[in-house]
PDB file of N, CA and C in Angstrom:
ATOM      1  N   MET A   1     -27.687 -36.566 -27.264  1.00  0.00           N
ATOM      2  CA  MET A   1     -28.835 -36.054 -26.395  1.00  0.00           C
ATOM      3  C   MET A   1     -29.101 -37.051 -25.326  1.00  0.00           C
ATOM      4  N   LYS A   2     -29.197 -37.957 -25.828  1.00  0.00           N
ATOM      5  CA  LYS A   2     -29.035 -38.755 -24.330  1.00  0.00           C
ATOM      6  C   LYS A   2     -27.658 -38.323 -23.446  1.00  0.00           C
ATOM      7  N   SER A   3     -26.746 -38.663 -24.064  1.00  0.00           N
ATOM      8  CA  SER A   3     -25.383 -38.162 -22.832  1.00  0.00           C
ATOM      9  C   SER A   3     -25.667 -36.720 -22.394  1.00  0.00           C
ATOM     10  N   ASP A   4     -26.116 -36.010 -22.985  1.00  0.00           N
ATOM     11  CA  ASP A   4     -25.814 -34.818 -22.290  1.00  0.00           C
ATOM     12  C   ASP A   4     -26.443 -34.735 -20.839  1.00  0.00           C
ATOM     13  N   ILE A   5     -28.336 -35.839 -21.386  1.00  0.00           N
ATOM     14  CA  ILE A   5     -28.734 -36.164 -20.142  1.00  0.00           C
ATOM     15  C   ILE A   5     -28.234 -36.628 -19.262  1.00  0.00           C
ATOM     16  N   ARG A   6     -27.817 -37.950 -19.068  1.00  0.00           N
ATOM     17  CA  ARG A   6     -26.535 -38.105 -18.329  1.00  0.00           C
ATOM     18  C   ARG A   6     -25.914 -37.505 -17.696  1.00  0.00           C
ATOM     19  N   SER A   7     -25.389 -36.845 -18.689  1.00  0.00           N
ATOM     20  CA  SER A   7     -24.014 -36.076 -17.846  1.00  0.00           C
ATOM     21  C   SER A   7     -24.605 -35.130 -16.827  1.00  0.00           C
ATOM     22  N   ILE A   8     -25.759 -34.389 -16.925  1.00  0.00           N
ATOM     23  CA  ILE A   8     -26.916 -33.783 -16.133  1.00  0.00           C
ATOM     24  C   ILE A   8     -27.009 -34.424 -15.342  1.00  0.00           C
ATOM     25  N   LEU A   9     -27.105 -36.019 -15.551  1.00  0.00           N
ATOM     26  CA  LEU A   9     -28.063 -36.469 -13.785  1.00  0.00           C
ATOM     27  C   LEU A   9     -26.775 -36.401 -13.023  1.00  0.00           C
ATOM     28  N   LYS A  10     -25.833 -36.427 -13.588  1.00  0.00           N
ATOM     29  CA  LYS A  10     -24.674 -36.666 -12.728  1.00  0.00           C
ATOM     30  C   LYS A  10     -24.079 -35.928 -11.979  1.00  0.00           C
ATOM     31  N   LEU A  11     -24.778 -34.911 -12.396  1.00  0.00           N
ATOM     32  CA  LEU A  11     -24.288 -33.137 -11.371  1.00  0.00           C
ATOM     33  C   LEU A  11     -24.514 -33.598  -9.741  1.00  0.00           C
ATOM     34  N   GLU A  12     -23.375 -33.251  -8.919  1.00  0.00           N
ATOM     35  CA  GLU A  12     -23.931 -33.062  -7.353  1.00  0.00           C
ATOM     36  C   GLU A  12     -24.141 -31.277  -7.358  1.00  0.00           C
ATOM     37  N   VAL A  13     -25.482 -31.715  -6.518  1.00  0.00           N
ATOM     38  CA  VAL A  13     -25.401 -30.217  -6.108  1.00  0.00           C
ATOM     39  C   VAL A  13     -25.500 -30.408  -4.182  1.00  0.00           C
ATOM     40  N   PRO A  14     -26.447 -28.881  -3.563  1.00  0.00           N
ATOM     41  CA  PRO A  14     -25.576 -29.163  -2.193  1.00  0.00           C
ATOM     42  C   PRO A  14     -27.267 -29.622  -2.455  1.00  0.00           C
ATOM     43  N   LEU A  15     -27.250 -30.410  -0.908  1.00  0.00           N
ATOM     44  CA  LEU A  15     -28.046 -30.763  -0.094  1.00  0.00           C
ATOM     45  C   LEU A  15     -27.954 -30.104   1.569  1.00  0.00           C
ATOM     46  N   ILE A  16     -28.710 -30.000   1.874  1.00  0.00           N
ATOM     47  CA  ILE A  16     -29.067 -29.187   3.286  1.00  0.00           C
ATOM     48  C   ILE A  16     -30.142 -29.985   3.670  1.00  0.00           C
ATOM     49  N   VAL A  17     -30.459 -29.809   5.163  1.00  0.00           N
ATOM     50  CA  VAL A  17     -31.280 -30.939   5.764  1.00  0.00           C
ATOM     51  C   VAL A  17     -31.832 -29.341   7.185  1.00  0.00           C
ATOM     52  N   ARG A  18     -32.768 -28.736   6.906  1.00  0.00           N
ATOM     53  CA  ARG A  18     -32.749 -27.687   7.753  1.00  0.00           C
ATOM     54  C   ARG A  18     -33.277 -27.770   9.544  1.00  0.00           C
ATOM     55  N   ILE A  19     -32.976 -28.095   9.977  1.00  0.00           N
ATOM     56  CA  ILE A  19     -33.908 -27.944  11.465  1.00  0.00           C
ATOM     57  C   ILE A  19     -34.322 -26.825  11.626  1.00  0.00           C
ATOM     58  N   ALA A  20     -34.078 -25.871  12.138  1.00  0.00           N
ATOM     59  CA  ALA A  20     -34.592 -24.183  12.125  1.00  0.00           C
ATOM     60  C   ALA A  20     -33.879 -23.326  12.396  1.00  0.00           C
ATOM     61  N   GLU A  21     -34.778 -22.262  12.323  1.00  0.00           N
ATOM     62  CA  GLU A  21     -33.910 -20.898  11.805  1.00  0.00           C
ATOM     63  C   GLU A  21     -34.296 -19.893  13.335  1.00  0.00           C
ATOM     64  N   ARG A  22     -33.774 -19.105  13.373  1.00  0.00           N
ATOM     65  CA  ARG A  22     -33.680 -17.382  14.572  1.00  0.00           C
ATOM     66  C   ARG A  22     -33.482 -16.857  14.089  1.00  0.00           C
ATOM     67  N   ALA A  23     -33.630 -15.589  14.046  1.00  0.00           N
ATOM     68  CA  ALA A  23     -33.158 -14.419  14.118  1.00  0.00           C
ATOM     69  C   ALA A  23     -32.631 -14.121  15.683  1.00  0.00           C
ATOM     70  N   MET A  24     -31.253 -13.388  15.094  1.00  0.00           N
ATOM     71  CA  MET A  24     -30.198 -13.426  16.626  1.00  0.00           C
ATOM     72  C   MET A  24     -29.264 -11.968  16.383  1.00  0.00           C
ATOM     73  N   HIS A  25     -29.672 -10.569  17.520  1.00  0.00           N
ATOM     74  CA  HIS A  25     -28.880  -9.999  17.080  1.00  0.00           C
ATOM     75  C   HIS A  25     -27.606  -9.785  17.115  1.00  0.00           C
ATOM     76  N   VAL A  26     -26.553  -9.413  16.707  1.00  0.00           N
ATOM     77  CA  VAL A  26     -25.492  -9.551  16.643  1.00  0.00           C
ATOM     78  C   VAL A  26     -24.265  -9.787  17.447  1.00  0.00           C
ATOM     79  N   ASP A  27     -24.963  -8.436  18.856  1.00  0.00           N
ATOM     80  CA  ASP A  27     -24.758  -8.885  19.751  1.00  0.00           C
ATOM     81  C   ASP A  27     -24.453 -10.449  20.577  1.00  0.00           C
ATOM     82  N   GLU A  28     -25.806 -11.059  20.434  1.00  0.00           N
ATOM     83  CA  GLU A  28     -25.608 -12.324  20.889  1.00  0.00           C
ATOM     84  C   GLU A  28     -24.616 -13.660  19.966  1.00  0.00           C
ATOM     85  N   VAL A  29     -24.975 -13.158  18.834  1.00  0.00           N
ATOM     86  CA  VAL A  29     -23.278 -13.945  18.068  1.00  0.00           C
ATOM     87  C   VAL A  29     -22.429 -13.046  18.334  1.00  0.00           C
ATOM     88  N   VAL A  30     -22.258 -12.394  18.671  1.00  0.00           N
ATOM     89  CA  VAL A  30     -20.464 -12.300  18.732  1.00  0.00           C
ATOM     90  C   VAL A  30     -20.366 -13.053  20.984  1.00  0.00           C
ATOM     91  N   GLN A  31     -21.108 -13.304  21.252  1.00  0.00           N
ATOM     92  CA  GLN A  31     -20.534 -13.302  22.575  1.00  0.00           C
ATOM     93  C   GLN A  31     -21.129 -14.979  22.670  1.00  0.00           C
ATOM     94  N   TRP A  32     -20.956 -15.866  21.250  1.00  0.00           N
ATOM     95  CA  TRP A  32     -21.224 -17.689  21.336  1.00  0.00           C
ATOM     96  C   TRP A  32     -19.809 -18.084  21.267  1.00  0.00           C
ATOM     97  N   VAL A  33     -19.567 -18.896  22.130  1.00  0.00           N
ATOM     98  CA  VAL A  33     -18.576 -19.635  23.424  1.00  0.00           C
ATOM     99  C   VAL A  33     -18.948 -21.138  22.720  1.00  0.00           C
ATOM    100  N   PRO A  34     -17.751 -22.243  22.485  1.00  0.00           N
ATOM    101  CA  PRO A  34     -17.756 -23.363  22.674  1.00  0.00           C
ATOM    102  C   PRO A  34     -18.259 -23.943  23.353  1.00  0.00           C
ATOM    103  N   GLY A  35     -19.373 -24.852  23.639  1.00  0.00           N
ATOM    104  CA  GLY A  35     -20.529 -25.893  24.243  1.00  0.00           C
ATOM    105  C   GLY A  35     -22.124 -25.077  24.499  1.00  0.00           C
ATOM    106  N   MET A  36     -21.936 -23.644  24.018  1.00  0.00           N
ATOM    107  CA  MET A  36     -23.031 -23.255  24.192  1.00  0.00           C
ATOM    108  C   MET A  36     -23.991 -24.133  23.670  1.00  0.00           C
ATOM    109  N   ILE A  37     -25.384 -23.341  24.156  1.00  0.00           N
ATOM    110  CA  ILE A  37     -26.497 -24.311  23.607  1.00  0.00           C
ATOM    111  C   ILE A  37     -27.334 -23.021  23.392  1.00  0.00           C
ATOM    112  N   ILE A  38     -27.657 -23.114  22.050  1.00  0.00           N
ATOM    113  CA  ILE A  38     -29.022 -22.171  21.466  1.00  0.00           C
ATOM    114  C   ILE A  38     -30.145 -22.319  21.621  1.00  0.00           C
ATOM    115  N   GLU A  39     -31.213 -22.555  21.984  1.00  0.00           N
ATOM    116  CA  GLU A  39     -32.493 -22.633  21.456  1.00  0.00           C
ATOM    117  C   GLU A  39     -32.899 -22.669  20.156  1.00  0.00           C
ATOM    118  N   MET A  40     -33.658 -23.265  19.610  1.00  0.00           N
ATOM    119  CA  MET A  40     -34.413 -23.102  18.690  1.00  0.00           C
ATOM    120  C   MET A  40     -36.289 -22.927  18.898  1.00  0.00           C
ATOM    121  N   ALA A  41     -36.999 -22.098  17.540  1.00  0.00           N
ATOM    122  CA  ALA A  41     -38.606 -21.898  18.675  1.00  0.00           C
ATOM    123  C   ALA A  41     -39.147 -23.040  18.004  1.00  0.00           C
ATOM    124  N   LYS A  42     -38.568 -24.446  17.558  1.00  0.00           N
ATOM    125  CA  LYS A  42     -38.765 -25.949  17.335  1.00  0.00           C
ATOM    126  C   LYS A  42     -39.106 -27.057  17.461  1.00  0.00           C
ATOM    127  N   ASN A  43     -40.514 -27.845  17.802  1.00  0.00           N
ATOM    128  CA  ASN A  43     -40.235 -29.103  18.245  1.00  0.00           C
ATOM    129  C   ASN A  43     -39.873 -29.851  17.798  1.00  0.00           C
ATOM    130  N   ALA A  44     -39.013 -30.918  18.905  1.00  0.00           N
ATOM    131  CA  ALA A  44     -37.932 -31.586  18.787  1.00  0.00           C
ATOM    132  C   ALA A  44     -38.319 -32.810  17.043  1.00  0.00           C
ATOM    133  N   ASP A  45     -39.648 -32.949  17.445  1.00  0.00           N
ATOM    134  CA  ASP A  45     -40.310 -33.950  16.218  1.00  0.00           C
ATOM    135  C   ASP A  45     -41.149 -33.399  14.726  1.00  0.00           C
ATOM    136  N   GLU A  46     -40.225 -31.814  15.161  1.00  0.00           N
ATOM    137  CA  GLU A  46     -41.452 -31.743  14.133  1.00  0.00           C
ATOM    138  C   GLU A  46     -40.935 -31.803  12.731  1.00  0.00           C
ATOM    139  N   GLU A  47     -41.256 -31.439  11.674  1.00  0.00           N
ATOM    140  CA  GLU A  47     -40.720 -32.225   9.974  1.00  0.00           C
ATOM    141  C   GLU A  47     -39.450 -31.578   9.760  1.00  0.00           C
ATOM    142  N   LEU A  48     -38.867 -31.732   9.166  1.00  0.00           N
ATOM    143  CA  LEU A  48     -37.045 -30.692   8.879  1.00  0.00           C
ATOM    144  C   LEU A  48     -37.298 -30.466   7.576  1.00  0.00           C
ATOM    145  N   GLU A  49     -37.001 -29.449   6.957  1.00  0.00           N
ATOM    146  CA  GLU A  49     -37.051 -28.568   5.354  1.00  0.00           C
ATOM    147  C   GLU A  49     -36.137 -29.592   4.682  1.00  0.00           C
ATOM    148  N   LEU A  50     -36.086 -29.869   3.593  1.00  0.00           N
ATOM    149  CA  LEU A  50     -35.287 -30.359   3.046  1.00  0.00           C
ATOM    150  C   LEU A  50     -34.853 -29.702   1.195  1.00  0.00           C
ATOM    151  N   LEU A  51     -33.688 -29.089   1.375  1.00  0.00           N
ATOM    152  CA  LEU A  51     -33.322 -27.770   0.703  1.00  0.00           C
ATOM    153  C   LEU A  51     -32.398 -28.493  -0.606  1.00  0.00           C
ATOM    154  N   VAL A  52     -32.104 -27.868  -1.769  1.00  0.00           N
ATOM    155  CA  VAL A  52     -31.755 -28.219  -2.492  1.00  0.00           C
ATOM    156  C   VAL A  52     -30.800 -27.593  -3.221  1.00  0.00           C
ATOM    157  N   ASN A  53     -29.894 -26.686  -3.312  1.00  0.00           N
ATOM    158  CA  ASN A  53     -29.699 -25.546  -3.959  1.00  0.00           C
ATOM    159  C   ASN A  53     -30.474 -24.374  -2.869  1.00  0.00           C
ATOM    160  N   ASN A  54     -30.365 -24.051  -1.812  1.00  0.00           N
ATOM    161  CA  ASN A  54     -31.048 -22.780  -1.288  1.00  0.00           C
ATOM    162  C   ASN A  54     -32.673 -23.343  -1.197  1.00  0.00           C
ATOM    163  N   VAL A  55     -32.580 -24.627  -1.624  1.00  0.00           N
ATOM    164  CA  VAL A  55     -34.482 -24.360  -2.761  1.00  0.00           C
ATOM    165  C   VAL A  55     -35.048 -24.933  -1.734  1.00  0.00           C
ATOM    166  N   ALA A  56     -36.364 -25.040  -0.840  1.00  0.00           N
ATOM    167  CA  ALA A  56     -36.934 -26.081  -0.567  1.00  0.00           C
ATOM    168  C   ALA A  56     -37.844 -26.866  -1.058  1.00  0.00           C
ATOM    169  N   ILE A  57     -38.000 -28.255  -1.220  1.00  0.00           N
ATOM    170  CA  ILE A  57     -37.836 -28.942  -2.645  1.00  0.00           C
ATOM    171  C   ILE A  57     -38.924 -29.821  -1.443  1.00  0.00           C
ATOM    172  N   GLY A  58     -39.390 -29.613   0.016  1.00  0.00           N
ATOM    173  CA  GLY A  58     -39.827 -31.112   0.667  1.00  0.00           C
ATOM    174  C   GLY A  58     -39.318 -31.032   2.187  1.00  0.00           C
ATOM    175  N   VAL A  59     -39.919 -32.247   2.864  1.00  0.00           N
ATOM    176  CA  VAL A  59     -40.087 -31.992   4.231  1.00  0.00           C
ATOM    177  C   VAL A  59     -39.843 -33.706   5.003  1.00  0.00           C
ATOM    178  N   GLY A  60     -39.154 -34.231   6.079  1.00  0.00           N
ATOM    179  CA  GLY A  60     -39.126 -35.180   6.071  1.00  0.00           C
ATOM    180  C   GLY A  60     -38.593 -35.231   7.573  1.00  0.00           C
ATOM    181  N   SER A  61     -38.335 -36.317   8.396  1.00  0.00           N
ATOM    182  CA  SER A  61     -38.004 -36.807   9.444  1.00  0.00           C
ATOM    183  C   SER A  61     -37.096 -36.948  10.045  1.00  0.00           C
ATOM    184  N   ALA A  62     -36.208 -36.910  10.967  1.00  0.00           N
ATOM    185  CA  ALA A  62     -34.731 -36.923  11.334  1.00  0.00           C
ATOM    186  C   ALA A  62     -34.564 -38.282  11.562  1.00  0.00           C
ATOM    187  N   VAL A  63     -34.257 -39.696  10.993  1.00  0.00           N
ATOM    188  CA  VAL A  63     -33.616 -40.739  11.306  1.00  0.00           C
ATOM    189  C   VAL A  63     -32.041 -41.658  12.069  1.00  0.00           C
ATOM    190  N   LYS A  64     -31.945 -42.346  12.915  1.00  0.00           N
ATOM    191  CA  LYS A  64     -31.363 -42.371  13.002  1.00  0.00           C
ATOM    192  C   LYS A  64     -30.583 -43.646  12.544  1.00  0.00           C
ATOM    193  N   ILE A  65     -29.786 -44.039  12.098  1.00  0.00           N
ATOM    194  CA  ILE A  65     -28.701 -45.053  10.864  1.00  0.00           C
ATOM    195  C   ILE A  65     -27.641 -45.082  10.663  1.00  0.00           C
ATOM    196  N   THR A  66     -27.493 -46.440  12.417  1.00  0.00           N
ATOM    197  CA  THR A  66     -26.048 -46.550  12.981  1.00  0.00           C
ATOM    198  C   THR A  66     -26.036 -45.589  13.912  1.00  0.00           C
ATOM    199  N   GLU A  67     -24.835 -44.777  13.439  1.00  0.00           N
ATOM    200  CA  GLU A  67     -24.609 -44.111  14.207  1.00  0.00           C
ATOM    201  C   GLU A  67     -24.312 -42.435  13.207  1.00  0.00           C
ATOM    202  N   ASN A  68     -25.048 -42.630  12.552  1.00  0.00           N
ATOM    203  CA  ASN A  68     -25.362 -41.013  11.307  1.00  0.00           C
ATOM    204  C   ASN A  68     -27.117 -40.940  11.406  1.00  0.00           C
ATOM    205  N   PHE A  69     -27.353 -39.511  10.800  1.00  0.00           N
ATOM    206  CA  PHE A  69     -28.333 -38.226  10.724  1.00  0.00           C
ATOM    207  C   PHE A  69     -28.839 -39.236   9.879  1.00  0.00           C
ATOM    208  N   GLY A  70     -29.730 -39.736   9.476  1.00  0.00           N
ATOM    209  CA  GLY A  70     -30.379 -39.308   7.782  1.00  0.00           C
ATOM    210  C   GLY A  70     -31.885 -38.839   7.836  1.00  0.00           C
ATOM    211  N   ILE A  71     -32.526 -38.082   6.731  1.00  0.00           N
ATOM    212  CA  ILE A  71     -34.180 -38.285   6.918  1.00  0.00           C
ATOM    213  C   ILE A  71     -34.883 -39.027   5.780  1.00  0.00           C
ATOM    214  N   ARG A  72     -35.967 -39.445   6.681  1.00  0.00           N
ATOM    215  CA  ARG A  72     -37.458 -39.971   5.898  1.00  0.00           C
ATOM    216  C   ARG A  72     -38.152 -38.549   4.828  1.00  0.00           C
ATOM    217  N   ILE A  73     -38.053 -38.777   3.562  1.00  0.00           N
ATOM    218  CA  ILE A  73     -39.069 -37.891   3.717  1.00  0.00           C
ATOM    219  C   ILE A  73     -40.423 -38.226   3.296  1.00  0.00           C
ATOM    220  N   SER A  74     -41.059 -37.354   3.637  1.00  0.00           N
ATOM    221  CA  SER A  74     -42.328 -37.370   4.188  1.00  0.00           C
ATOM    222  C   SER A  74     -42.921 -36.273   3.009  1.00  0.00           C
ATOM    223  N   TYR A  75     -42.646 -35.400   1.752  1.00  0.00           N
ATOM    224  CA  TYR A  75     -42.842 -34.584   0.873  1.00  0.00           C
ATOM    225  C   TYR A  75     -41.500 -34.293   0.377  1.00  0.00           C
ATOM    226  N   VAL A  76     -42.354 -34.272  -0.816  1.00  0.00           N
ATOM    227  CA  VAL A  76     -40.965 -33.694  -1.961  1.00  0.00           C
ATOM    228  C   VAL A  76     -41.589 -33.562  -3.244  1.00  0.00           C
ATOM    229  N   GLY A  77     -41.262 -32.254  -4.102  1.00  0.00           N
ATOM    230  CA  GLY A  77     -42.050 -31.141  -4.655  1.00  0.00           C
ATOM    231  C   GLY A  77     -42.393 -31.787  -5.473  1.00  0.00           C
ATOM    232  N   ASP A  78     -43.055 -31.306  -7.025  1.00  0.00           N
ATOM    233  CA  ASP A  78     -43.572 -32.097  -7.882  1.00  0.00           C
ATOM    234  C   ASP A  78     -42.523 -32.414  -9.002  1.00  0.00           C
ATOM    235  N   LEU A  79     -41.305 -33.064  -9.769  1.00  0.00           N
ATOM    236  CA  LEU A  79     -40.200 -33.269 -10.839  1.00  0.00           C
ATOM    237  C   LEU A  79     -39.690 -31.592 -11.057  1.00  0.00           C
ATOM    238  N   ARG A  80     -40.903 -30.723 -11.661  1.00  0.00           N
ATOM    239  CA  ARG A  80     -40.512 -29.592 -12.094  1.00  0.00           C
ATOM    240  C   ARG A  80     -40.200 -28.440 -10.756  1.00  0.00           C
ATOM    241  N   GLU A  81     -40.335 -28.630 -10.205  1.00  0.00           N
ATOM    242  CA  GLU A  81     -40.300 -28.046  -8.818  1.00  0.00           C
ATOM    243  C   GLU A  81     -38.425 -28.196  -8.120  1.00  0.00           C
ATOM    244  N   ARG A  82     -38.033 -29.757  -8.467  1.00  0.00           N
ATOM    245  CA  ARG A  82     -37.088 -29.910  -7.913  1.00  0.00           C
ATOM    246  C   ARG A  82     -35.947 -29.445  -9.170  1.00  0.00           C
ATOM    247  N   ILE A  83     -36.121 -29.642 -10.288  1.00  0.00           N
ATOM    248  CA  ILE A  83     -35.247 -29.320 -11.370  1.00  0.00           C
ATOM    249  C   ILE A  83     -35.242 -27.721 -11.138  1.00  0.00           C
ATOM    250  N   ASP A  84     -35.753 -27.146 -10.788  1.00  0.00           N
ATOM    251  CA  ASP A  84     -35.670 -25.707 -10.684  1.00  0.00           C
ATOM    252  C   ASP A  84     -34.937 -25.093 -10.068  1.00  0.00           C
ATOM    253  N   ALA A  85     -34.960 -25.775  -8.780  1.00  0.00           N
ATOM    254  CA  ALA A  85     -33.640 -25.787  -7.531  1.00  0.00           C
ATOM    255  C   ALA A  85     -32.914 -26.864  -7.496  1.00  0.00           C
ATOM    256  N   ILE A  86     -32.658 -27.864  -9.067  1.00  0.00           N
ATOM    257  CA  ILE A  86     -30.870 -27.895  -8.614  1.00  0.00           C
ATOM    258  C   ILE A  86     -30.835 -27.031 -10.399  1.00  0.00           C
ATOM    259  N   SER A  87     -31.383 -26.777 -10.883  1.00  0.00           N
ATOM    260  CA  SER A  87     -30.774 -25.496 -11.750  1.00  0.00           C
ATOM    261  C   SER A  87     -30.815 -24.108 -11.032  1.00  0.00           C
ATOM    262  N   GLY A  88     -30.889 -23.923  -9.887  1.00  0.00           N
ATOM    263  CA  GLY A  88     -31.001 -22.431  -9.809  1.00  0.00           C
ATOM    264  C   GLY A  88     -32.179 -21.997  -9.726  1.00  0.00           C
ATOM    265  N   ARG A  89     -33.048 -21.762 -10.033  1.00  0.00           N
ATOM    266  CA  ARG A  89     -34.113 -21.722 -10.140  1.00  0.00           C
ATOM    267  C   ARG A  89     -35.008 -21.518 -10.028  1.00  0.00           C
ATOM    268  N   ARG A  90     -35.950 -20.179  -9.167  1.00  0.00           N
ATOM    269  CA  ARG A  90     -36.634 -20.220  -7.501  1.00  0.00           C
ATOM    270  C   ARG A  90     -38.238 -19.409  -8.243  1.00  0.00           C
ATOM    271  N   PRO A  91     -38.952 -20.918  -8.990  1.00  0.00           N
ATOM    272  CA  PRO A  91     -40.237 -19.997  -8.628  1.00  0.00           C
ATOM    273  C   PRO A  91     -40.766 -19.107  -8.186  1.00  0.00           C
ATOM    274  N   ILE A  92     -41.509 -18.354  -9.027  1.00  0.00           N
ATOM    275  CA  ILE A  92     -42.218 -17.575  -8.694  1.00  0.00           C
ATOM    276  C   ILE A  92     -43.978 -17.614  -8.545  1.00  0.00           C
ATOM    277  N   PRO A  93     -44.217 -17.731  -7.467  1.00  0.00           N
ATOM    278  CA  PRO A  93     -45.496 -18.114  -6.947  1.00  0.00           C
ATOM    279  C   PRO A  93     -46.332 -16.478  -7.980  1.00  0.00           C
ATOM    280  N   GLU A  94     -47.046 -17.174  -8.864  1.00  0.00           N
ATOM    281  CA  GLU A  94     -48.213 -15.818  -9.238  1.00  0.00           C
ATOM    282  C   GLU A  94     -47.944 -14.571  -9.250  1.00  0.00           C
ATOM    283  N   ALA A  95     -46.449 -14.847  -9.717  1.00  0.00           N
ATOM    284  CA  ALA A  95     -46.295 -13.352 -10.394  1.00  0.00           C
ATOM    285  C   ALA A  95     -46.782 -12.491 -11.373  1.00  0.00           C
ATOM    286  N   ALA A  96     -46.793 -13.811 -11.684  1.00  0.00           N
ATOM    287  CA  ALA A  96     -47.704 -12.870 -13.706  1.00  0.00           C
ATOM    288  C   ALA A  96     -48.869 -12.238 -13.480  1.00  0.00           C
ATOM    289  N   GLU A  97     -49.564 -13.314 -11.967  1.00  0.00           N
ATOM    290  CA  GLU A  97     -51.213 -11.999 -12.134  1.00  0.00           C
ATOM    291  C   GLU A  97     -50.967 -11.124 -10.804  1.00  0.00           C
ATOM    292  N   THR A  98     -49.730 -11.050 -10.184  1.00  0.00           N
ATOM    293  CA  THR A  98     -50.188 -10.258  -9.127  1.00  0.00           C
ATOM    294  C   THR A  98     -49.887  -8.089  -9.718  1.00  0.00           C
ATOM    295  N   PRO A  99     -50.049  -7.445 -10.000  1.00  0.00           N
ATOM    296  CA  PRO A  99     -49.482  -5.705 -10.468  1.00  0.00           C
ATOM    297  C   PRO A  99     -48.690  -5.643  -9.758  1.00  0.00           C
ATOM    298  N   GLU A 100     -47.446  -5.046 -10.450  1.00  0.00           N
ATOM    299  CA  GLU A 100     -45.811  -4.758  -9.440  1.00  0.00           C
ATOM    300  C   GLU A 100     -46.365  -4.093  -8.564  1.00  0.00           C
ATOM    301  N   GLU A 101     -46.690  -2.938  -8.587  1.00  0.00           N
ATOM    302  CA  GLU A 101     -47.407  -2.134  -7.352  1.00  0.00           C
ATOM    303  C   GLU A 101     -47.906  -2.443  -6.294  1.00  0.00           C
ATOM    304  N   ASP A 102     -48.928  -4.450  -6.321  1.00  0.00           N
ATOM    305  CA  ASP A 102     -49.070  -4.827  -5.135  1.00  0.00           C
ATOM    306  C   ASP A 102     -48.176  -5.639  -4.563  1.00  0.00           C
ATOM    307  N   ARG A 103     -47.249  -5.543  -5.673  1.00  0.00           N
ATOM    308  CA  ARG A 103     -46.024  -6.973  -4.854  1.00  0.00           C
ATOM    309  C   ARG A 103     -44.951  -6.607  -3.161  1.00  0.00           C
ATOM    310  N   ALA A 104     -45.766  -7.231  -2.268  1.00  0.00           N
ATOM    311  CA  ALA A 104     -44.964  -7.121  -1.225  1.00  0.00           C
ATOM    312  C   ALA A 104     -43.038  -7.152  -1.654  1.00  0.00           C
ATOM    313  N   PRO A 105     -42.432  -5.801  -0.826  1.00  0.00           N
ATOM    314  CA  PRO A 105     -41.228  -6.294  -1.417  1.00  0.00           C
ATOM    315  C   PRO A 105     -40.328  -7.810  -0.828  1.00  0.00           C
ATOM    316  N   SER A 106     -39.079  -6.531  -1.826  1.00  0.00           N
ATOM    317  CA  SER A 106     -38.373  -8.599  -2.153  1.00  0.00           C
ATOM    318  C   SER A 106     -37.459  -8.940  -0.345  1.00  0.00           C
ATOM    319  N   LEU A 107     -37.431  -9.748   0.116  1.00  0.00           N
ATOM    320  CA  LEU A 107     -36.313 -10.059   1.225  1.00  0.00           C
ATOM    321  C   LEU A 107     -34.979 -10.820   0.446  1.00  0.00           C
ATOM    322  N   ASP A 108     -35.325 -10.497  -0.752  1.00  0.00           N
ATOM    323  CA  ASP A 108     -33.789 -11.020  -1.254  1.00  0.00           C
ATOM    324  C   ASP A 108     -32.787  -9.926  -0.664  1.00  0.00           C
ATOM    325  N   PRO A 109     -31.599 -10.709  -0.678  1.00  0.00           N
ATOM    326  CA  PRO A 109     -30.734  -9.509  -0.313  1.00  0.00           C
ATOM    327  C   PRO A 109     -30.182  -9.166  -1.372  1.00  0.00           C
ATOM    328  N   GLU A 110     -30.305  -9.683  -2.404  1.00  0.00           N
ATOM    329  CA  GLU A 110     -29.146  -9.453  -3.418  1.00  0.00           C
ATOM    330  C   GLU A 110     -29.705  -8.169  -4.014  1.00  0.00           C
ATOM    331  N   GLU A 111     -31.852  -8.358  -3.808  1.00  0.00           N
ATOM    332  CA  GLU A 111     -32.281  -6.803  -4.794  1.00  0.00           C
ATOM    333  C   GLU A 111     -32.261  -6.290  -4.066  1.00  0.00           C
ATOM    334  N   ALA A 112     -31.909  -6.438  -2.108  1.00  0.00           N
ATOM    335  CA  ALA A 112     -32.546  -4.921  -1.981  1.00  0.00           C
ATOM    336  C   ALA A 112     -30.659  -4.266  -1.540  1.00  0.00           C
ATOM    337  N   LYS A 113     -29.715  -4.613  -2.510  1.00  0.00           N
ATOM    338  CA  LYS A 113     -28.422  -3.770  -2.516  1.00  0.00           C
ATOM    339  C   LYS A 113     -29.200  -2.124  -2.998  1.00  0.00           C
ATOM    340  N   VAL A 114     -28.266  -1.391  -2.816  1.00  0.00           N
ATOM    341  CA  VAL A 114     -28.315  -0.047  -3.324  1.00  0.00           C
ATOM    342  C   VAL A 114     -27.152   0.258  -4.272  1.00  0.00           C
ATOM    343  N   PRO A 115     -27.743   0.215  -5.755  1.00  0.00           N
ATOM    344  CA  PRO A 115     -26.869   0.767  -6.359  1.00  0.00           C
ATOM    345  C   PRO A 115     -25.742   1.682  -5.859  1.00  0.00           C
ATOM    346  N   ALA A 116     -24.284   1.056  -7.164  1.00  0.00           N
ATOM    347  CA  ALA A 116     -23.774   3.031  -5.531  1.00  0.00           C
ATOM    348  C   ALA A 116     -23.707   3.907  -6.519  1.00  0.00           C
ATOM    349  N   GLY A 117     -24.263   4.364  -6.777  1.00  0.00           N
ATOM    350  CA  GLY A 117     -24.512   6.319  -7.958  1.00  0.00           C
ATOM    351  C   GLY A 117     -25.607   5.926  -6.801  1.00  0.00           C
ATOM    352  N   ASP A 118     -26.231   5.339  -5.906  1.00  0.00           N
ATOM    353  CA  ASP A 118     -27.434   5.771  -4.833  1.00  0.00           C
ATOM    354  C   ASP A 118     -27.378   6.336  -3.830  1.00  0.00           C
ATOM    355  N   ALA A 119     -25.887   5.670  -3.220  1.00  0.00           N
ATOM    356  CA  ALA A 119     -25.573   5.713  -1.823  1.00  0.00           C
ATOM    357  C   ALA A 119     -25.342   6.590  -1.852  1.00  0.00           C
ATOM    358  N   GLU A 120     -25.690   6.678  -0.120  1.00  0.00           N
ATOM    359  CA  GLU A 120     -25.691   8.726   0.310  1.00  0.00           C
ATOM    360  C   GLU A 120     -24.746   8.420   1.125  1.00  0.00           C
TER     361      GLU A 120
END
């Protein structure tokens, strides 16, 4: 059992520090050229999101370490949230308490796909 835990703890997972995000029209994206600057609607001194397996688990601020960048963590979710992120599970807050008909539509692209038999 201990060797299983040690093996799991040695797994590598993708770590992402999200600076900002913004929606753009496709016609804007196809006009990109090297050297172009894309302005983001976020102040340079705001905290950055820390993601594991594309799941936000914390925030922090950018720091410079010699010639590299790093992140100083100011908040990180509890251990259960981090384990869920590592395993690829995304916690659904209050899902059990919200009736199906009252839930907002999912923004998950995988859930939004139309089954092949239902396509028009």
